């Protein structure tokens, strides 16, 4: 069995693209509901209703996950994706393992250091970015924030 050590969300679009769509769709929803009226209380209520229906970008636009793990002297990432044929706006998703490894595994150099392991992981994630469909985005923001502070050598040694 694999010992996964980090999950990265894959989104169908960037936060900026989603925010632009959301703002336009919310405006249209409010205009259609109110017509020519301008009622502040009604507008606030409609905005809340719209948000409850579509939510924000984070978590709601997820179309998959890459679960990183070590296998021997290699880094791999299992890819879990939603069952849909197309990546559409949806709030009901079931994720299944689609690929045991999204891209070919990458070897960790011997002798390994925390820096060399992190370099291999970053190269692996870059290859994953190139493999995913156009427009899909791997959310590495938190990973990049904590990765330099991790003891990658200890984690790698523990996985053997």
Foldseek 3Di string as FASTA:
>chain_A
DFDFDDKWFKFLADQVVVVVVLVVVLVVQLCVVQPPDDDPVVSVVSVVVSCVVQNGRPPQRTFWMWTWTDDVQWIFTFIWGFPDPDSDRDRDTDIDGDGHGLDDIDGQDPPHFLVSVVVSVVVSVVVSVVRDPPRMDIPCPVVVVCSVVDRNVVVNVVRD
